Amino acid sequence: MITLIAPGGESLHTLEGALDRLGLAHLHAVSPRQAAPAGALILLASGPYDGACAALKTAGWWRELRQMAADGRSVLGLNGGLHLLAEGSEEAPRGAGLGMLPGIVRRLGPGVKLPHLGWSKVSQHRAHPGLPDLRGGWLHFAHCHALEPSSETQSIAVHGRPFSVLEVRGKVLGLQAQVEKSGTLGLVLLARLLAGMGERPLAPTETFN
């Protein structure tokens, strides 16, 4: 069972729809005590970085999420959720992130329109035996900030500068893309990431080529 964590009250409608299409069971947990006893954790966030951090702390997730990961639970941060998993963001230079993925989140650019809204081509930064190769694929984005590539970066895209699309450190993953709005590739990517995290469909699902 997948636990969805959205401490800032983010809309989960499109992501839940994607998970339903994939036949993956899920629930939304406002606080850690509502989380499924096992299974992957998906962290979402939107809006200002410091506000997202505060909401995560108020809901009791800040310490508990790190403990769950230490206990072996898989964690996937999507978009702003990826930002929270990193060491910090220049949006809030006096604060710190969860530190579960390396690097600092920085503003995109220079010389490009922000937010980065639309499709960008993805290239492979580093091969990973358990993950799909996104080289040459196109994903949909909607963001102004992104994590700088590091040794844990698997895929990148470019908008003014290269930025990390997919990060992996053990069982902690981060994805900077709107997979639920990225067509067939987005659904295939989400399915394969979650399959690698131990999540399998509970019912027959659509076939994606």
Protein backbone atom coordinates (compact mmCIF):
# COMPACT_ATOMS: atom_id res chain seq x y z
CA MET A 1 0.00 0.00 0.00
CA ILE A 2 1.40 3.38 -1.06
CA THR A 3 1.18 6.24 1.43
CA LEU A 4 0.77 9.72 -0.08
CA ILE A 5 2.17 12.58 2.00
CA ALA A 6 1.06 16.10 1.06
CA PRO A 7 1.54 18.28 4.16
CA GLY A 8 0.72 21.55 2.43
CA GLY A 9 -2.68 20.40 1.26
CA GLU A 10 -1.55 19.84 -2.35
CA SER A 11 -4.12 18.47 -4.76
CA LEU A 12 -3.63 14.74 -5.21
CA HIS A 13 -6.34 14.25 -7.81
CA THR A 14 -4.13 13.74 -10.89
CA LEU A 15 -1.57 11.58 -9.09
CA GLU A 16 -4.29 9.43 -7.53
CA GLY A 17 -5.81 9.04 -10.98
CA ALA A 18 -2.47 7.83 -12.35
CA LEU A 19 -2.08 5.34 -9.50
CA ASP A 20 -5.61 4.09 -10.10
CA ARG A 21 -4.83 3.54 -13.79
CA LEU A 22 -1.79 1.52 -12.75
CA GLY A 23 -3.87 -0.54 -10.32
CA LEU A 24 -1.76 0.51 -7.34
CA ALA A 25 -3.41 0.76 -3.92
CA HIS A 26 -2.83 4.03 -2.09
CA LEU A 27 -4.00 6.20 0.77
CA HIS A 28 -3.46 9.82 1.82
CA ALA A 29 -1.98 10.19 5.30
CA VAL A 30 -2.22 13.62 6.91
CA SER A 31 -0.04 12.50 9.82
CA PRO A 32 2.38 9.58 10.34
CA ARG A 33 -0.14 7.65 12.43
CA GLN A 34 -2.38 7.42 9.36
CA ALA A 35 0.34 5.88 7.17
CA ALA A 36 0.05 2.34 5.89
CA PRO A 37 2.09 -0.05 8.06
CA ALA A 38 4.28 -0.99 5.08
CA GLY A 39 4.91 0.05 1.50
CA ALA A 40 6.31 3.01 -0.39
CA LEU A 41 5.96 6.61 0.73
CA ILE A 42 5.37 9.36 -1.86
CA LEU A 43 6.13 12.92 -0.73
CA LEU A 44 4.61 15.89 -2.55
CA ALA A 45 4.95 19.60 -1.87
CA SER A 46 4.24 22.91 -3.57
CA GLY A 47 4.60 26.60 -2.88
CA PRO A 48 7.45 28.29 -0.99
CA TYR A 49 10.14 25.96 0.32
CA ASP A 50 10.10 27.24 3.89
CA GLY A 51 6.32 26.89 4.04
CA ALA A 52 6.53 23.30 2.82
CA CYS A 53 9.16 22.52 5.47
CA ALA A 54 6.99 24.07 8.18
CA ALA A 55 3.94 22.10 7.07
CA LEU A 56 5.93 18.86 7.12
CA LYS A 57 7.13 19.59 10.65
CA THR A 58 3.69 20.62 11.91
CA ALA A 59 2.15 17.40 10.62
CA GLY A 60 4.82 15.35 12.40
CA TRP A 61 6.43 14.03 9.24
CA TRP A 62 9.84 15.74 9.45
CA ARG A 63 11.42 13.35 11.92
CA GLU A 64 9.16 10.38 11.22
CA LEU A 65 9.88 10.29 7.48
CA ARG A 66 13.60 10.00 8.08
CA GLN A 67 12.99 7.28 10.65
CA MET A 68 10.76 5.32 8.28
CA ALA A 69 13.48 5.51 5.61
CA ALA A 70 16.08 4.37 8.14
CA ASP A 71 13.81 1.43 8.95
CA GLY A 72 13.85 0.38 5.29
CA ARG A 73 10.76 2.06 3.82
CA SER A 74 11.17 3.35 0.25
CA VAL A 75 10.57 7.07 -0.31
CA LEU A 76 9.79 8.88 -3.57
CA GLY A 77 9.81 12.68 -3.61
CA LEU A 78 7.93 14.25 -6.51
CA ASN A 79 8.76 17.81 -7.62
CA GLY A 80 8.61 19.90 -4.44
CA GLY A 81 8.86 16.65 -2.51
CA LEU A 82 12.23 16.05 -4.15
CA HIS A 83 13.31 19.53 -3.04
CA LEU A 84 12.44 18.69 0.57
CA LEU A 85 14.49 15.48 0.41
CA ALA A 86 17.60 17.45 -0.62
CA GLU A 87 20.04 19.19 1.72
CA GLY A 88 18.45 22.59 1.28
CA SER A 89 17.24 25.27 -1.09
CA GLU A 90 18.43 28.76 -1.92
CA GLU A 91 14.79 29.79 -1.43
CA ALA A 92 15.41 29.41 2.31
CA PRO A 93 19.19 29.81 2.83
CA ARG A 94 18.90 29.76 6.62
CA GLY A 95 17.00 26.49 6.69
CA ALA A 96 17.85 22.93 5.82
CA GLY A 97 16.12 20.12 4.01
CA LEU A 98 15.69 16.54 5.11
CA GLY A 99 19.16 15.70 3.75
CA MET A 100 18.10 12.34 2.38
CA LEU A 101 19.43 13.25 -1.09
CA PRO A 102 22.59 15.27 -1.78
CA GLY A 103 22.72 18.76 -3.20
CA ILE A 104 21.05 22.16 -3.06
CA VAL A 105 17.94 23.25 -4.95
CA ARG A 106 18.62 26.38 -7.02
CA ARG A 107 16.71 28.68 -9.33
CA LEU A 108 16.77 27.74 -13.01
CA GLY A 109 18.47 29.94 -15.57
CA PRO A 110 19.93 32.27 -16.50
CA GLY A 111 18.29 33.73 -19.58
CA VAL A 112 15.17 31.53 -19.65
CA LYS A 113 11.50 32.09 -18.97
CA LEU A 114 10.25 31.00 -15.55
CA PRO A 115 8.43 29.00 -14.53
CA HIS A 116 9.71 26.24 -16.76
CA LEU A 117 6.29 25.11 -17.95
CA GLY A 118 6.02 22.44 -20.62
CA TRP A 119 7.93 19.58 -22.19
CA SER A 120 11.70 18.99 -22.11
CA LYS A 121 13.89 16.23 -23.45
CA VAL A 122 15.55 14.03 -20.84
CA SER A 123 19.03 12.53 -21.13
CA GLN A 124 20.83 9.88 -19.12
CA HIS A 125 23.40 11.15 -16.64
CA ARG A 126 24.32 7.84 -15.06
CA ALA A 127 23.13 4.29 -15.76
CA HIS A 128 21.24 2.39 -13.05
CA PRO A 129 20.52 -1.33 -13.49
CA GLY A 130 17.13 -1.15 -11.79
CA LEU A 131 15.75 1.95 -13.48
CA PRO A 132 14.47 2.73 -16.99
CA ASP A 133 16.69 4.64 -19.39
CA LEU A 134 14.91 7.93 -20.11
CA ARG A 135 17.42 8.99 -22.74
CA GLY A 136 15.62 10.77 -25.57
CA GLY A 137 12.25 10.79 -23.81
CA TRP A 138 10.17 13.88 -23.13
CA LEU A 139 8.56 14.72 -19.78
CA HIS A 140 6.34 17.57 -18.64
CA PHE A 141 7.64 20.11 -16.09
CA ALA A 142 6.27 23.01 -14.07
CA HIS A 143 8.88 24.59 -11.79
CA CYS A 144 11.24 27.51 -11.15
CA HIS A 145 13.80 25.68 -9.00
CA ALA A 146 15.54 22.34 -9.35
CA LEU A 147 18.23 20.22 -7.76
CA GLU A 148 21.69 20.52 -9.24
CA PRO A 149 23.06 17.24 -10.69
CA SER A 150 25.25 15.17 -8.38
CA SER A 151 26.76 11.71 -8.12
CA GLU A 152 23.28 10.38 -7.29
CA THR A 153 21.68 11.83 -10.44
CA GLN A 154 20.40 9.29 -12.98
CA SER A 155 18.73 11.60 -15.54
CA ILE A 156 18.89 15.29 -16.39
CA ALA A 157 17.17 17.91 -18.54
CA VAL A 158 18.18 21.46 -19.44
CA HIS A 159 16.41 24.78 -18.92
CA GLY A 160 19.02 27.50 -18.80
CA ARG A 161 21.27 24.98 -17.06
CA PRO A 162 21.25 21.20 -16.54
CA PHE A 163 19.06 20.08 -13.66
CA SER A 164 18.36 16.75 -12.03
CA VAL A 165 15.28 14.86 -13.20
CA LEU A 166 15.79 11.57 -11.36
CA GLU A 167 17.81 11.03 -8.17
CA VAL A 168 18.52 7.74 -6.43
CA ARG A 169 20.24 7.08 -3.12
CA GLY A 170 19.45 3.57 -1.94
CA LYS A 171 15.70 3.39 -1.33
CA VAL A 172 15.26 7.17 -1.50
CA LEU A 173 14.30 8.53 -4.91
CA GLY A 174 13.44 11.97 -6.21
CA LEU A 175 11.74 12.90 -9.48
CA GLN A 176 11.45 16.41 -10.95
CA ALA A 177 8.66 15.90 -13.49
CA GLN A 178 4.90 15.86 -13.65
CA VAL A 179 4.62 12.17 -14.45
CA GLU A 180 0.84 12.18 -14.35
CA LYS A 181 0.86 14.80 -17.15
CA SER A 182 3.65 13.22 -19.18
CA GLY A 183 1.61 10.79 -21.22
CA THR A 184 2.55 7.15 -21.65
CA LEU A 185 6.21 7.69 -20.71
CA GLY A 186 5.20 9.32 -17.44
CA LEU A 187 2.94 6.43 -16.49
CA VAL A 188 5.54 3.84 -17.48
CA LEU A 189 8.18 5.68 -15.46
CA LEU A 190 5.94 5.93 -12.40
CA ALA A 191 5.01 2.25 -12.64
CA ARG A 192 8.63 1.12 -12.94
CA LEU A 193 9.85 3.33 -10.11
CA LEU A 194 7.14 2.01 -7.80
CA ALA A 195 7.72 -1.57 -8.95
CA GLY A 196 11.33 -1.12 -7.90
CA MET A 197 10.01 0.03 -4.54
CA GLY A 198 8.04 -3.19 -4.15
CA GLU A 199 4.62 -1.96 -5.28
CA ARG A 200 2.66 -4.29 -7.56
CA PRO A 201 -0.80 -3.82 -9.13
CA LEU A 202 -3.68 -5.39 -7.21
CA ALA A 203 -5.85 -5.61 -10.32
CA PRO A 204 -5.45 -5.82 -14.12
CA THR A 205 -4.08 -2.58 -15.52
CA GLU A 206 -3.87 -0.84 -18.85
CA THR A 207 -1.07 -1.89 -21.20
CA PHE A 208 1.50 0.79 -21.96
CA ASN A 209 3.90 0.25 -24.83
